[in-house]
Amino acid sequence: PHEMLETPVAKATFVKSSKIWKLY
C-alpha cells in the first residue's frame, strides 16, 4: 500500500494549427 500505481483515464491534445482539442 505504500506504492502508488498510475492508471491513465483520458488524454487531450491541443492542435494549434487547427485550434482543436483531440480526445484519446
mmCIF file of all heavy atoms, coordinates in Angstrom:
data_MODEL
# 
_entry.id   MODEL 
# 
loop_
_atom_site.group_PDB 
_atom_site.id 
_atom_site.type_symbol 
_atom_site.label_atom_id 
_atom_site.label_alt_id 
_atom_site.label_comp_id 
_atom_site.label_asym_id 
_atom_site.label_entity_id 
_atom_site.label_seq_id 
_atom_site.pdbx_PDB_ins_code 
_atom_site.Cartn_x 
_atom_site.Cartn_y 
_atom_site.Cartn_z 
_atom_site.occupancy 
_atom_site.B_iso_or_equiv 
_atom_site.pdbx_formal_charge 
_atom_site.auth_seq_id 
_atom_site.auth_comp_id 
_atom_site.auth_asym_id 
_atom_site.auth_atom_id 
_atom_site.pdbx_PDB_model_num 
ATOM 1   N N   . PRO A 1 1  ? 0.790   -1.236 0.000   1.00 0.00 ? 1  PRO A N   1 
ATOM 2   C CA  . PRO A 1 1  ? 0.000   0.000  0.000   1.00 0.00 ? 1  PRO A CA  1 
ATOM 3   C C   . PRO A 1 1  ? 0.825   1.290  0.000   1.00 0.00 ? 1  PRO A C   1 
ATOM 4   O O   . PRO A 1 1  ? 0.291   2.368  -0.218  1.00 0.00 ? 1  PRO A O   1 
ATOM 5   C CB  . PRO A 1 1  ? -0.845  -0.098 1.260   1.00 0.00 ? 1  PRO A CB  1 
ATOM 6   C CG  . PRO A 1 1  ? -0.435  -1.313 1.971   1.00 0.00 ? 1  PRO A CG  1 
ATOM 7   C CD  . PRO A 1 1  ? 0.528   -2.080 1.133   1.00 0.00 ? 1  PRO A CD  1 
ATOM 8   N N   . HIS A 1 2  ? 2.125   1.183  0.197   1.00 0.00 ? 2  HIS A N   1 
ATOM 9   C CA  . HIS A 1 2  ? 2.976   2.385  0.170   1.00 0.00 ? 2  HIS A CA  1 
ATOM 10  C C   . HIS A 1 2  ? 3.374   2.751  -1.256  1.00 0.00 ? 2  HIS A C   1 
ATOM 11  O O   . HIS A 1 2  ? 3.864   3.854  -1.488  1.00 0.00 ? 2  HIS A O   1 
ATOM 12  C CB  . HIS A 1 2  ? 4.223   2.174  1.021   1.00 0.00 ? 2  HIS A CB  1 
ATOM 13  C CG  . HIS A 1 2  ? 3.900   1.894  2.466   1.00 0.00 ? 2  HIS A CG  1 
ATOM 14  N ND1 . HIS A 1 2  ? 3.274   2.814  3.269   1.00 0.00 ? 2  HIS A ND1 1 
ATOM 15  C CD2 . HIS A 1 2  ? 4.085   0.793  3.221   1.00 0.00 ? 2  HIS A CD2 1 
ATOM 16  C CE1 . HIS A 1 2  ? 3.089   2.298  4.463   1.00 0.00 ? 2  HIS A CE1 1 
ATOM 17  N NE2 . HIS A 1 2  ? 3.575   1.068  4.465   1.00 0.00 ? 2  HIS A NE2 1 
ATOM 18  N N   . GLU A 1 3  ? 3.153   1.836  -2.190  1.00 0.00 ? 3  GLU A N   1 
ATOM 19  C CA  . GLU A 1 3  ? 3.473   2.095  -3.588  1.00 0.00 ? 3  GLU A CA  1 
ATOM 20  C C   . GLU A 1 3  ? 2.179   2.453  -4.336  1.00 0.00 ? 3  GLU A C   1 
ATOM 21  O O   . GLU A 1 3  ? 1.192   1.734  -4.270  1.00 0.00 ? 3  GLU A O   1 
ATOM 22  C CB  . GLU A 1 3  ? 4.116   0.875  -4.240  1.00 0.00 ? 3  GLU A CB  1 
ATOM 23  C CG  . GLU A 1 3  ? 4.566   1.121  -5.659  1.00 0.00 ? 3  GLU A CG  1 
ATOM 24  C CD  . GLU A 1 3  ? 5.210   -0.102 -6.292  1.00 0.00 ? 3  GLU A CD  1 
ATOM 25  O OE1 . GLU A 1 3  ? 5.617   -1.028 -5.576  1.00 0.00 ? 3  GLU A OE1 1 
ATOM 26  O OE2 . GLU A 1 3  ? 5.279   -0.111 -7.530  1.00 0.00 ? 3  GLU A OE2 1 
ATOM 27  N N   . MET A 1 4  ? 2.214   3.588  -5.041  1.00 0.00 ? 4  MET A N   1 
ATOM 28  C CA  . MET A 1 4  ? 1.045   4.040  -5.785  1.00 0.00 ? 4  MET A CA  1 
ATOM 29  C C   . MET A 1 4  ? 1.215   3.709  -7.268  1.00 0.00 ? 4  MET A C   1 
ATOM 30  O O   . MET A 1 4  ? 2.282   3.925  -7.837  1.00 0.00 ? 4  MET A O   1 
ATOM 31  C CB  . MET A 1 4  ? 0.847   5.544  -5.612  1.00 0.00 ? 4  MET A CB  1 
ATOM 32  C CG  . MET A 1 4  ? 0.609   5.973  -4.167  1.00 0.00 ? 4  MET A CG  1 
ATOM 33  S SD  . MET A 1 4  ? -0.889  5.290  -3.453  1.00 0.00 ? 4  MET A SD  1 
ATOM 34  C CE  . MET A 1 4  ? -2.106  6.418  -4.072  1.00 0.00 ? 4  MET A CE  1 
ATOM 35  N N   . LEU A 1 5  ? 0.153   3.191  -7.871  1.00 0.00 ? 5  LEU A N   1 
ATOM 36  C CA  . LEU A 1 5  ? 0.151   2.863  -9.300  1.00 0.00 ? 5  LEU A CA  1 
ATOM 37  C C   . LEU A 1 5  ? -0.693  3.885  -10.057 1.00 0.00 ? 5  LEU A C   1 
ATOM 38  O O   . LEU A 1 5  ? -1.744  4.303  -9.575  1.00 0.00 ? 5  LEU A O   1 
ATOM 39  C CB  . LEU A 1 5  ? -0.421  1.466  -9.518  1.00 0.00 ? 5  LEU A CB  1 
ATOM 40  C CG  . LEU A 1 5  ? 0.292   0.320  -8.806  1.00 0.00 ? 5  LEU A CG  1 
ATOM 41  C CD1 . LEU A 1 5  ? -0.472  -0.977 -8.995  1.00 0.00 ? 5  LEU A CD1 1 
ATOM 42  C CD2 . LEU A 1 5  ? 1.709   0.187  -9.328  1.00 0.00 ? 5  LEU A CD2 1 
ATOM 43  N N   . GLU A 1 6  ? -0.235  4.282  -11.231 1.00 0.00 ? 6  GLU A N   1 
ATOM 44  C CA  . GLU A 1 6  ? -0.973  5.209  -12.082 1.00 0.00 ? 6  GLU A CA  1 
ATOM 45  C C   . GLU A 1 6  ? -1.745  4.439  -13.139 1.00 0.00 ? 6  GLU A C   1 
ATOM 46  O O   . GLU A 1 6  ? -1.203  3.551  -13.781 1.00 0.00 ? 6  GLU A O   1 
ATOM 47  C CB  . GLU A 1 6  ? -0.014  6.160  -12.799 1.00 0.00 ? 6  GLU A CB  1 
ATOM 48  C CG  . GLU A 1 6  ? 0.518   7.249  -11.959 1.00 0.00 ? 6  GLU A CG  1 
ATOM 49  C CD  . GLU A 1 6  ? 1.317   8.270  -12.767 1.00 0.00 ? 6  GLU A CD  1 
ATOM 50  O OE1 . GLU A 1 6  ? 1.198   8.306  -14.018 1.00 0.00 ? 6  GLU A OE1 1 
ATOM 51  O OE2 . GLU A 1 6  ? 2.067   9.016  -12.141 1.00 0.00 ? 6  GLU A OE2 1 
ATOM 52  N N   . THR A 1 7  ? -2.994  4.829  -13.330 1.00 0.00 ? 7  THR A N   1 
ATOM 53  C CA  . THR A 1 7  ? -3.813  4.275  -14.388 1.00 0.00 ? 7  THR A CA  1 
ATOM 54  C C   . THR A 1 7  ? -4.341  5.440  -15.227 1.00 0.00 ? 7  THR A C   1 
ATOM 55  O O   . THR A 1 7  ? -5.056  6.297  -14.705 1.00 0.00 ? 7  THR A O   1 
ATOM 56  C CB  . THR A 1 7  ? -5.002  3.482  -13.811 1.00 0.00 ? 7  THR A CB  1 
ATOM 57  O OG1 . THR A 1 7  ? -4.506  2.468  -12.945 1.00 0.00 ? 7  THR A OG1 1 
ATOM 58  C CG2 . THR A 1 7  ? -5.840  2.863  -14.912 1.00 0.00 ? 7  THR A CG2 1 
ATOM 59  N N   . PRO A 1 8  ? -3.996  5.492  -16.505 1.00 0.00 ? 8  PRO A N   1 
ATOM 60  C CA  . PRO A 1 8  ? -4.474  6.581  -17.351 1.00 0.00 ? 8  PRO A CA  1 
ATOM 61  C C   . PRO A 1 8  ? -5.995  6.546  -17.497 1.00 0.00 ? 8  PRO A C   1 
ATOM 62  O O   . PRO A 1 8  ? -6.592  5.479  -17.611 1.00 0.00 ? 8  PRO A O   1 
ATOM 63  C CB  . PRO A 1 8  ? -3.815  6.312  -18.705 1.00 0.00 ? 8  PRO A CB  1 
ATOM 64  C CG  . PRO A 1 8  ? -2.752  5.311  -18.448 1.00 0.00 ? 8  PRO A CG  1 
ATOM 65  C CD  . PRO A 1 8  ? -3.131  4.560  -17.220 1.00 0.00 ? 8  PRO A CD  1 
ATOM 66  N N   . VAL A 1 9  ? -6.611  7.728  -17.498 1.00 0.00 ? 9  VAL A N   1 
ATOM 67  C CA  . VAL A 1 9  ? -8.053  7.850  -17.686 1.00 0.00 ? 9  VAL A CA  1 
ATOM 68  C C   . VAL A 1 9  ? -8.347  8.455  -19.058 1.00 0.00 ? 9  VAL A C   1 
ATOM 69  O O   . VAL A 1 9  ? -9.080  7.881  -19.848 1.00 0.00 ? 9  VAL A O   1 
ATOM 70  C CB  . VAL A 1 9  ? -8.698  8.704  -16.574 1.00 0.00 ? 9  VAL A CB  1 
ATOM 71  C CG1 . VAL A 1 9  ? -10.172 8.963  -16.861 1.00 0.00 ? 9  VAL A CG1 1 
ATOM 72  C CG2 . VAL A 1 9  ? -8.514  8.045  -15.217 1.00 0.00 ? 9  VAL A CG2 1 
ATOM 73  N N   . ALA A 1 10 ? -7.769  9.627  -19.322 1.00 0.00 ? 10 ALA A N   1 
ATOM 74  C CA  . ALA A 1 10 ? -8.034  10.325 -20.584 1.00 0.00 ? 10 ALA A CA  1 
ATOM 75  C C   . ALA A 1 10 ? -6.879  11.246 -20.912 1.00 0.00 ? 10 ALA A C   1 
ATOM 76  O O   . ALA A 1 10 ? -6.135  11.668 -20.025 1.00 0.00 ? 10 ALA A O   1 
ATOM 77  C CB  . ALA A 1 10 ? -9.320  11.128 -20.483 1.00 0.00 ? 10 ALA A CB  1 
ATOM 78  N N   . LYS A 1 11 ? -6.753  11.547 -22.199 1.00 0.00 ? 11 LYS A N   1 
ATOM 79  C CA  . LYS A 1 11 ? -5.728  12.475 -22.662 1.00 0.00 ? 11 LYS A CA  1 
ATOM 80  C C   . LYS A 1 11 ? -6.343  13.348 -23.752 1.00 0.00 ? 11 LYS A C   1 
ATOM 81  O O   . LYS A 1 11 ? -7.106  12.857 -24.586 1.00 0.00 ? 11 LYS A O   1 
ATOM 82  C CB  . LYS A 1 11 ? -4.538  11.703 -23.231 1.00 0.00 ? 11 LYS A CB  1 
ATOM 83  C CG  . LYS A 1 11 ? -3.433  12.573 -23.778 1.00 0.00 ? 11 LYS A CG  1 
ATOM 84  C CD  . LYS A 1 11 ? -2.305  11.694 -24.301 1.00 0.00 ? 11 LYS A CD  1 
ATOM 85  C CE  . LYS A 1 11 ? -1.210  12.507 -24.948 1.00 0.00 ? 11 LYS A CE  1 
ATOM 86  N NZ  . LYS A 1 11 ? -0.112  11.653 -25.424 1.00 0.00 ? 11 LYS A NZ  1 
ATOM 87  N N   . ALA A 1 12 ? -6.019  14.633 -23.710 1.00 0.00 ? 12 ALA A N   1 
ATOM 88  C CA  . ALA A 1 12 ? -6.457  15.544 -24.765 1.00 0.00 ? 12 ALA A CA  1 
ATOM 89  C C   . ALA A 1 12 ? -5.252  16.350 -25.222 1.00 0.00 ? 12 ALA A C   1 
ATOM 90  O O   . ALA A 1 12 ? -4.442  16.793 -24.411 1.00 0.00 ? 12 ALA A O   1 
ATOM 91  C CB  . ALA A 1 12 ? -7.556  16.467 -24.263 1.00 0.00 ? 12 ALA A CB  1 
ATOM 92  N N   . THR A 1 13 ? -5.126  16.506 -26.522 1.00 0.00 ? 13 THR A N   1 
ATOM 93  C CA  . THR A 1 13 ? -4.003  17.220 -27.123 1.00 0.00 ? 13 THR A CA  1 
ATOM 94  C C   . THR A 1 13 ? -4.535  18.387 -27.948 1.00 0.00 ? 13 THR A C   1 
ATOM 95  O O   . THR A 1 13 ? -5.463  18.222 -28.737 1.00 0.00 ? 13 THR A O   1 
ATOM 96  C CB  . THR A 1 13 ? -3.175  16.271 -28.013 1.00 0.00 ? 13 THR A CB  1 
ATOM 97  O OG1 . THR A 1 13 ? -2.668  15.217 -27.197 1.00 0.00 ? 13 THR A OG1 1 
ATOM 98  C CG2 . THR A 1 13 ? -2.018  16.996 -28.666 1.00 0.00 ? 13 THR A CG2 1 
ATOM 99  N N   . PHE A 1 14 ? -3.916  19.550 -27.742 1.00 0.00 ? 14 PHE A N   1 
ATOM 100 C CA  . PHE A 1 14 ? -4.304  20.742 -28.476 1.00 0.00 ? 14 PHE A CA  1 
ATOM 101 C C   . PHE A 1 14 ? -3.477  20.842 -29.750 1.00 0.00 ? 14 PHE A C   1 
ATOM 102 O O   . PHE A 1 14 ? -2.250  20.794 -29.718 1.00 0.00 ? 14 PHE A O   1 
ATOM 103 C CB  . PHE A 1 14 ? -4.095  21.991 -27.618 1.00 0.00 ? 14 PHE A CB  1 
ATOM 104 C CG  . PHE A 1 14 ? -4.614  23.244 -28.241 1.00 0.00 ? 14 PHE A CG  1 
ATOM 105 C CD1 . PHE A 1 14 ? -5.973  23.401 -28.477 1.00 0.00 ? 14 PHE A CD1 1 
ATOM 106 C CD2 . PHE A 1 14 ? -3.755  24.269 -28.591 1.00 0.00 ? 14 PHE A CD2 1 
ATOM 107 C CE1 . PHE A 1 14 ? -6.466  24.572 -29.056 1.00 0.00 ? 14 PHE A CE1 1 
ATOM 108 C CE2 . PHE A 1 14 ? -4.238  25.435 -29.166 1.00 0.00 ? 14 PHE A CE2 1 
ATOM 109 C CZ  . PHE A 1 14 ? -5.594  25.589 -29.388 1.00 0.00 ? 14 PHE A CZ  1 
ATOM 110 N N   . VAL A 1 15 ? -4.164  20.959 -30.885 1.00 0.00 ? 15 VAL A N   1 
ATOM 111 C CA  . VAL A 1 15 ? -3.511  21.110 -32.184 1.00 0.00 ? 15 VAL A CA  1 
ATOM 112 C C   . VAL A 1 15 ? -3.612  22.591 -32.546 1.00 0.00 ? 15 VAL A C   1 
ATOM 113 O O   . VAL A 1 15 ? -4.677  23.073 -32.926 1.00 0.00 ? 15 VAL A O   1 
ATOM 114 C CB  . VAL A 1 15 ? -4.181  20.228 -33.255 1.00 0.00 ? 15 VAL A CB  1 
ATOM 115 C CG1 . VAL A 1 15 ? -3.461  20.371 -34.590 1.00 0.00 ? 15 VAL A CG1 1 
ATOM 116 C CG2 . VAL A 1 15 ? -4.223  18.775 -32.808 1.00 0.00 ? 15 VAL A CG2 1 
ATOM 117 N N   . LYS A 1 16 ? -2.497  23.303 -32.374 1.00 0.00 ? 16 LYS A N   1 
ATOM 118 C CA  . LYS A 1 16 ? -2.525  24.757 -32.566 1.00 0.00 ? 16 LYS A CA  1 
ATOM 119 C C   . LYS A 1 16 ? -2.892  25.169 -33.980 1.00 0.00 ? 16 LYS A C   1 
ATOM 120 O O   . LYS A 1 16 ? -3.618  26.143 -34.176 1.00 0.00 ? 16 LYS A O   1 
ATOM 121 C CB  . LYS A 1 16 ? -1.167  25.359 -32.200 1.00 0.00 ? 16 LYS A CB  1 
ATOM 122 C CG  . LYS A 1 16 ? -0.982  25.568 -30.735 1.00 0.00 ? 16 LYS A CG  1 
ATOM 123 C CD  . LYS A 1 16 ? 0.221   26.431 -30.456 1.00 0.00 ? 16 LYS A CD  1 
ATOM 124 C CE  . LYS A 1 16 ? 0.235   26.781 -28.989 1.00 0.00 ? 16 LYS A CE  1 
ATOM 125 N NZ  . LYS A 1 16 ? 1.159   27.838 -28.674 1.00 0.00 ? 16 LYS A NZ  1 
ATOM 126 N N   . SER A 1 17 ? -2.418  24.445 -34.980 1.00 0.00 ? 17 SER A N   1 
ATOM 127 C CA  . SER A 1 17 ? -2.662  24.835 -36.374 1.00 0.00 ? 17 SER A CA  1 
ATOM 128 C C   . SER A 1 17 ? -4.152  24.881 -36.718 1.00 0.00 ? 17 SER A C   1 
ATOM 129 O O   . SER A 1 17 ? -4.599  25.719 -37.487 1.00 0.00 ? 17 SER A O   1 
ATOM 130 C CB  . SER A 1 17 ? -1.929  23.901 -37.329 1.00 0.00 ? 17 SER A CB  1 
ATOM 131 O OG  . SER A 1 17 ? -2.376  22.579 -37.149 1.00 0.00 ? 17 SER A OG  1 
ATOM 132 N N   . SER A 1 18 ? -4.934  23.975 -36.135 1.00 0.00 ? 18 SER A N   1 
ATOM 133 C CA  . SER A 1 18 ? -6.374  23.956 -36.399 1.00 0.00 ? 18 SER A CA  1 
ATOM 134 C C   . SER A 1 18 ? -7.198  24.420 -35.201 1.00 0.00 ? 18 SER A C   1 
ATOM 135 O O   . SER A 1 18 ? -8.425  24.461 -35.265 1.00 0.00 ? 18 SER A O   1 
ATOM 136 C CB  . SER A 1 18 ? -6.816  22.565 -36.840 1.00 0.00 ? 18 SER A CB  1 
ATOM 137 O OG  . SER A 1 18 ? -6.387  21.605 -35.918 1.00 0.00 ? 18 SER A OG  1 
ATOM 138 N N   . LYS A 1 19 ? -6.518  24.734 -34.095 1.00 0.00 ? 19 LYS A N   1 
ATOM 139 C CA  . LYS A 1 19 ? -7.169  25.219 -32.868 1.00 0.00 ? 19 LYS A CA  1 
ATOM 140 C C   . LYS A 1 19 ? -8.260  24.269 -32.376 1.00 0.00 ? 19 LYS A C   1 
ATOM 141 O O   . LYS A 1 19 ? -9.374  24.674 -32.059 1.00 0.00 ? 19 LYS A O   1 
ATOM 142 C CB  . LYS A 1 19 ? -7.710  26.623 -33.066 1.00 0.00 ? 19 LYS A CB  1 
ATOM 143 C CG  . LYS A 1 19 ? -6.624  27.633 -33.332 1.00 0.00 ? 19 LYS A CG  1 
ATOM 144 C CD  . LYS A 1 19 ? -7.176  29.028 -33.440 1.00 0.00 ? 19 LYS A CD  1 
ATOM 145 C CE  . LYS A 1 19 ? -6.011  29.973 -33.690 1.00 0.00 ? 19 LYS A CE  1 
ATOM 146 N NZ  . LYS A 1 19 ? -6.414  31.327 -33.951 1.00 0.00 ? 19 LYS A NZ  1 
ATOM 147 N N   . ILE A 1 20 ? -7.924  22.992 -32.336 1.00 0.00 ? 20 ILE A N   1 
ATOM 148 C CA  . ILE A 1 20 ? -8.866  21.992 -31.830 1.00 0.00 ? 20 ILE A CA  1 
ATOM 149 C C   . ILE A 1 20 ? -8.186  21.121 -30.776 1.00 0.00 ? 20 ILE A C   1 
ATOM 150 O O   . ILE A 1 20 ? -6.966  20.985 -30.748 1.00 0.00 ? 20 ILE A O   1 
ATOM 151 C CB  . ILE A 1 20 ? -9.422  21.075 -32.944 1.00 0.00 ? 20 ILE A CB  1 
ATOM 152 C CG1 . ILE A 1 20 ? -8.296  20.315 -33.637 1.00 0.00 ? 20 ILE A CG1 1 
ATOM 153 C CG2 . ILE A 1 20 ? -10.282 21.841 -33.915 1.00 0.00 ? 20 ILE A CG2 1 
ATOM 154 C CD1 . ILE A 1 20 ? -8.779  19.156 -34.463 1.00 0.00 ? 20 ILE A CD1 1 
ATOM 155 N N   . TRP A 1 21 ? -9.017  20.540 -29.919 1.00 0.00 ? 21 TRP A N   1 
ATOM 156 C CA  . TRP A 1 21 ? -8.578  19.546 -28.944 1.00 0.00 ? 21 TRP A CA  1 
ATOM 157 C C   . TRP A 1 21 ? -8.942  18.178 -29.490 1.00 0.00 ? 21 TRP A C   1 
ATOM 158 O O   . TRP A 1 21 ? -10.067 17.972 -29.944 1.00 0.00 ? 21 TRP A O   1 
ATOM 159 C CB  . TRP A 1 21 ? -9.293  19.766 -27.610 1.00 0.00 ? 21 TRP A CB  1 
ATOM 160 C CG  . TRP A 1 21 ? -8.785  20.920 -26.834 1.00 0.00 ? 21 TRP A CG  1 
ATOM 161 C CD1 . TRP A 1 21 ? -9.278  22.195 -26.830 1.00 0.00 ? 21 TRP A CD1 1 
ATOM 162 C CD2 . TRP A 1 21 ? -7.673  20.916 -25.950 1.00 0.00 ? 21 TRP A CD2 1 
ATOM 163 N NE1 . TRP A 1 21 ? -8.538  22.973 -25.995 1.00 0.00 ? 21 TRP A NE1 1 
ATOM 164 C CE2 . TRP A 1 21 ? -7.543  22.211 -25.444 1.00 0.00 ? 21 TRP A CE2 1 
ATOM 165 C CE3 . TRP A 1 21 ? -6.756  19.944 -25.547 1.00 0.00 ? 21 TRP A CE3 1 
ATOM 166 C CZ2 . TRP A 1 21 ? -6.551  22.565 -24.539 1.00 0.00 ? 21 TRP A CZ2 1 
ATOM 167 C CZ3 . TRP A 1 21 ? -5.769  20.296 -24.651 1.00 0.00 ? 21 TRP A CZ3 1 
ATOM 168 C CH2 . TRP A 1 21 ? -5.664  21.585 -24.150 1.00 0.00 ? 21 TRP A CH2 1 
ATOM 169 N N   . LYS A 1 22 ? -7.997  17.242 -29.440 1.00 0.00 ? 22 LYS A N   1 
ATOM 170 C CA  . LYS A 1 22 ? -8.268  15.851 -29.814 1.00 0.00 ? 22 LYS A CA  1 
ATOM 171 C C   . LYS A 1 22 ? -8.296  15.020 -28.535 1.00 0.00 ? 22 LYS A C   1 
ATOM 172 O O   . LYS A 1 22 ? -7.412  15.147 -27.694 1.00 0.00 ? 22 LYS A O   1 
ATOM 173 C CB  . LYS A 1 22 ? -7.198  15.334 -30.768 1.00 0.00 ? 22 LYS A CB  1 
ATOM 174 C CG  . LYS A 1 22 ? -7.271  15.988 -32.122 1.00 0.00 ? 22 LYS A CG  1 
ATOM 175 C CD  . LYS A 1 22 ? -6.415  15.283 -33.130 1.00 0.00 ? 22 LYS A CD  1 
ATOM 176 C CE  . LYS A 1 22 ? -6.672  15.861 -34.501 1.00 0.00 ? 22 LYS A CE  1 
ATOM 177 N NZ  . LYS A 1 22 ? -6.149  15.015 -35.552 1.00 0.00 ? 22 LYS A NZ  1 
ATOM 178 N N   . LEU A 1 23 ? -9.279  14.153 -28.435 1.00 0.00 ? 23 LEU A N   1 
ATOM 179 C CA  . LEU A 1 23 ? -9.505  13.355 -27.234 1.00 0.00 ? 23 LEU A CA  1 
ATOM 180 C C   . LEU A 1 23 ? -9.081  11.906 -27.457 1.00 0.00 ? 23 LEU A C   1 
ATOM 181 O O   . LEU A 1 23 ? -9.395  11.319 -28.500 1.00 0.00 ? 23 LEU A O   1 
ATOM 182 C CB  . LEU A 1 23 ? -10.980 13.426 -26.841 1.00 0.00 ? 23 LEU A CB  1 
ATOM 183 C CG  . LEU A 1 23 ? -11.408 12.691 -25.584 1.00 0.00 ? 23 LEU A CG  1 
ATOM 184 C CD1 . LEU A 1 23 ? -10.625 13.148 -24.355 1.00 0.00 ? 23 LEU A CD1 1 
ATOM 185 C CD2 . LEU A 1 23 ? -12.911 12.883 -25.361 1.00 0.00 ? 23 LEU A CD2 1 
ATOM 186 N N   . TYR A 1 24 ? -8.394  11.332 -26.457 1.00 0.00 ? 24 TYR A N   1 
ATOM 187 C CA  . TYR A 1 24 ? -7.875  9.965  -26.544 1.00 0.00 ? 24 TYR A CA  1 
ATOM 188 C C   . TYR A 1 24 ? -8.220  9.172  -25.288 1.00 0.00 ? 24 TYR A C   1 
ATOM 189 O O   . TYR A 1 24 ? -8.391  9.733  -24.210 1.00 0.00 ? 24 TYR A O   1 
ATOM 190 C CB  . TYR A 1 24 ? -6.345  9.986  -26.694 1.00 0.00 ? 24 TYR A CB  1 
ATOM 191 C CG  . TYR A 1 24 ? -5.860  10.735 -27.898 1.00 0.00 ? 24 TYR A CG  1 
ATOM 192 C CD1 . TYR A 1 24 ? -5.538  12.079 -27.812 1.00 0.00 ? 24 TYR A CD1 1 
ATOM 193 C CD2 . TYR A 1 24 ? -5.737  10.109 -29.134 1.00 0.00 ? 24 TYR A CD2 1 
ATOM 194 C CE1 . TYR A 1 24 ? -5.098  12.786 -28.920 1.00 0.00 ? 24 TYR A CE1 1 
ATOM 195 C CE2 . TYR A 1 24 ? -5.302  10.802 -30.247 1.00 0.00 ? 24 TYR A CE2 1 
ATOM 196 C CZ  . TYR A 1 24 ? -4.976  12.136 -30.131 1.00 0.00 ? 24 TYR A CZ  1 
ATOM 197 O OH  . TYR A 1 24 ? -4.549  12.837 -31.232 1.00 0.00 ? 24 TYR A OH  1 
# 
